[in-house]
Amino acid sequence: MSWSERIRRLSTLVPWTALLMAIGCGGGDKAPTGPGGGDPARFDLVALGRAGLPADVKVEDCTMTRFYGGRLTIDPASGQWLLHLEINDANYGDWAYEDGGSTEMDGTAVWFDSQHSDLSHEGTVSNSEVTILYDWCENGVADVQLVFAR
């Protein structure tokens, strides 16, 4: 991501309150066991685009991959996210892919900044669903839509 694009995003940064409200956190009792205790919000992978799981996808020049499970965890206190995907391909058989990093909000979009690839993946967050346009083949172009639900 270029510096000018990052500065543009930061200049329109929406307060964390919007993200916290979108994922159903915040407000209420701040005690660790209360409704606003700051527990990470967990979403389970339910689809790739409109295809339910398991989904077999041949993305760009990558190997045919079967996505059969996964989860996305977002920490409402820090905005940190962790992605865990359960997949199978001809190269490795069954294996798990993980990514994570920080989030930024820009209007209604949420950017998932990856520590793994140094890429930013655009997504949307609602109370019950998170969608991420993810660059699976890591060439700078989003190529799969990961859909997570509570």
Protein backbone atom coordinates (compact mmCIF):
# COMPACT_ATOMS: atom_id res chain seq x y z
CA MET A 1 0.00 0.00 0.00
CA SER A 2 1.40 3.40 -0.93
CA TRP A 3 1.97 6.11 1.69
CA SER A 4 -0.54 8.40 0.01
CA GLU A 5 -3.21 5.70 0.14
CA ARG A 6 -2.46 4.99 3.82
CA ILE A 7 -2.63 8.72 4.65
CA ARG A 8 -5.95 8.99 2.77
CA ARG A 9 -7.32 6.08 4.78
CA LEU A 10 -6.10 7.46 8.07
CA SER A 11 -7.55 10.88 7.31
CA THR A 12 -11.02 9.33 7.05
CA LEU A 13 -10.53 6.88 9.92
CA VAL A 14 -13.78 6.04 11.64
CA PRO A 15 -13.61 5.74 15.44
CA TRP A 16 -13.11 2.25 16.89
CA THR A 17 -16.56 2.56 18.39
CA ALA A 18 -18.08 1.82 14.97
CA LEU A 19 -16.12 -1.42 14.64
CA LEU A 20 -16.91 -2.42 18.21
CA MET A 21 -20.62 -1.80 17.69
CA ALA A 22 -20.58 -3.63 14.35
CA ILE A 23 -19.20 -6.80 15.91
CA GLY A 24 -21.53 -6.55 18.89
CA CYS A 25 -18.99 -5.55 21.53
CA GLY A 26 -18.72 -2.60 23.83
CA GLY A 27 -21.18 -0.95 26.12
CA GLY A 28 -22.65 -2.49 29.22
CA ASP A 29 -20.69 -3.83 32.17
CA LYS A 30 -16.93 -3.49 31.65
CA ALA A 31 -16.16 -6.35 34.05
CA PRO A 32 -14.40 -9.28 32.35
CA THR A 33 -17.49 -11.44 32.74
CA GLY A 34 -19.98 -8.73 31.76
CA PRO A 35 -21.42 -8.10 28.28
CA GLY A 36 -18.74 -5.56 27.35
CA GLY A 37 -15.82 -7.47 28.83
CA GLY A 38 -13.71 -7.23 25.68
CA ASP A 39 -13.70 -10.91 24.71
CA PRO A 40 -12.54 -11.44 21.13
CA ALA A 41 -15.33 -11.71 18.56
CA ARG A 42 -15.18 -15.06 16.77
CA PHE A 43 -16.58 -15.74 13.32
CA ASP A 44 -16.56 -19.12 11.53
CA LEU A 45 -15.79 -19.51 7.82
CA VAL A 46 -19.06 -20.42 6.11
CA ALA A 47 -18.42 -19.74 2.41
CA LEU A 48 -16.08 -18.62 -0.33
CA GLY A 49 -18.15 -16.06 -2.19
CA ARG A 50 -21.49 -17.78 -2.72
CA ALA A 51 -20.07 -21.31 -2.50
CA GLY A 52 -20.66 -23.03 0.82
CA LEU A 53 -18.03 -25.20 2.45
CA PRO A 54 -16.24 -27.30 1.56
CA ALA A 55 -15.30 -25.27 -1.51
CA ASP A 56 -12.75 -26.31 -4.14
CA VAL A 57 -11.09 -23.33 -5.79
CA LYS A 58 -8.37 -22.96 -8.41
CA VAL A 59 -7.27 -19.37 -7.86
CA GLU A 60 -5.11 -17.78 -10.55
CA ASP A 61 -1.81 -19.71 -10.79
CA CYS A 62 -2.15 -21.37 -7.39
CA THR A 63 -2.83 -25.05 -6.82
CA MET A 64 -6.41 -26.33 -6.62
CA THR A 65 -7.32 -25.81 -2.97
CA ARG A 66 -10.18 -27.15 -0.85
CA PHE A 67 -11.28 -24.77 1.90
CA TYR A 68 -13.20 -26.78 4.48
CA GLY A 69 -13.17 -24.70 7.63
CA GLY A 70 -11.72 -21.76 9.46
CA ARG A 71 -12.30 -18.88 11.81
CA LEU A 72 -11.63 -15.20 12.19
CA THR A 73 -11.06 -13.66 15.61
CA ILE A 74 -11.11 -9.88 16.14
CA ASP A 75 -10.02 -8.35 19.45
CA PRO A 76 -12.33 -5.36 20.02
CA ALA A 77 -9.91 -3.70 22.43
CA SER A 78 -6.94 -3.56 20.06
CA GLY A 79 -8.37 -4.22 16.58
CA GLN A 80 -5.98 -7.14 16.15
CA TRP A 81 -7.28 -10.00 14.01
CA LEU A 82 -6.30 -13.64 13.54
CA LEU A 83 -7.33 -15.75 10.56
CA HIS A 84 -7.14 -19.55 10.66
CA LEU A 85 -8.10 -21.56 7.55
CA GLU A 86 -8.32 -25.35 7.28
CA ILE A 87 -7.43 -26.40 3.76
CA ASN A 88 -6.26 -29.25 1.57
CA ASP A 89 -4.19 -29.15 -1.59
CA ALA A 90 -2.04 -31.47 -3.71
CA ASN A 91 1.21 -29.98 -2.36
CA TYR A 92 0.65 -30.42 1.39
CA GLY A 93 -2.51 -32.47 1.92
CA ASP A 94 -4.45 -31.22 4.98
CA TRP A 95 -2.90 -28.16 6.56
CA ALA A 96 -3.75 -24.91 8.32
CA TYR A 97 -3.05 -21.40 7.06
CA GLU A 98 -2.81 -18.49 9.49
CA ASP A 99 -2.61 -14.74 9.07
CA GLY A 100 -3.21 -11.82 11.34
CA GLY A 101 -2.49 -8.20 11.98
CA SER A 102 -4.30 -4.97 12.67
CA THR A 103 -7.48 -3.40 11.30
CA GLU A 104 -8.29 0.06 9.97
CA MET A 105 -11.72 1.47 9.20
CA ASP A 106 -12.49 3.68 6.21
CA GLY A 107 -16.16 4.58 5.94
CA THR A 108 -18.04 1.29 5.77
CA ALA A 109 -14.94 -0.71 4.77
CA VAL A 110 -12.56 -2.41 7.16
CA TRP A 111 -8.98 -3.03 6.07
CA PHE A 112 -7.30 -6.13 7.45
CA ASP A 113 -3.59 -5.27 7.40
CA SER A 114 -1.60 -8.51 7.21
CA GLN A 115 1.60 -9.12 9.16
CA HIS A 116 2.13 -12.22 7.00
CA SER A 117 2.14 -10.60 3.56
CA ASP A 118 2.27 -6.84 4.27
CA LEU A 119 -0.92 -6.54 2.18
CA SER A 120 -4.20 -4.90 3.17
CA HIS A 121 -7.36 -6.91 2.53
CA GLU A 122 -10.62 -5.00 2.19
CA GLY A 123 -13.60 -6.29 4.11
CA THR A 124 -16.96 -5.45 5.59
CA VAL A 125 -18.19 -6.14 9.11
CA SER A 126 -21.78 -6.44 10.30
CA ASN A 127 -23.17 -7.78 13.56
CA SER A 128 -23.33 -11.35 12.27
CA GLU A 129 -21.01 -11.49 9.24
CA VAL A 130 -17.49 -10.53 8.14
CA THR A 131 -16.44 -10.65 4.50
CA ILE A 132 -12.82 -10.27 3.41
CA LEU A 133 -11.57 -9.90 -0.16
CA TYR A 134 -8.39 -11.88 0.35
CA ASP A 135 -5.31 -12.18 -1.86
CA TRP A 136 -4.78 -15.95 -1.61
CA CYS A 137 -2.06 -16.09 -4.30
CA GLU A 138 -0.27 -13.04 -2.83
CA ASN A 139 0.18 -11.12 -6.07
CA GLY A 140 -1.41 -7.88 -4.89
CA VAL A 141 -4.89 -8.64 -6.31
CA ALA A 142 -7.78 -9.93 -4.19
CA ASP A 143 -8.82 -13.31 -5.58
CA VAL A 144 -11.12 -15.00 -3.02
CA GLN A 145 -13.99 -13.72 -0.91
CA LEU A 146 -13.88 -15.25 2.56
CA VAL A 147 -17.27 -15.12 4.29
CA PHE A 148 -17.45 -15.59 8.07
CA ALA A 149 -20.53 -15.71 10.29
CA ARG A 150 -21.25 -16.03 14.01
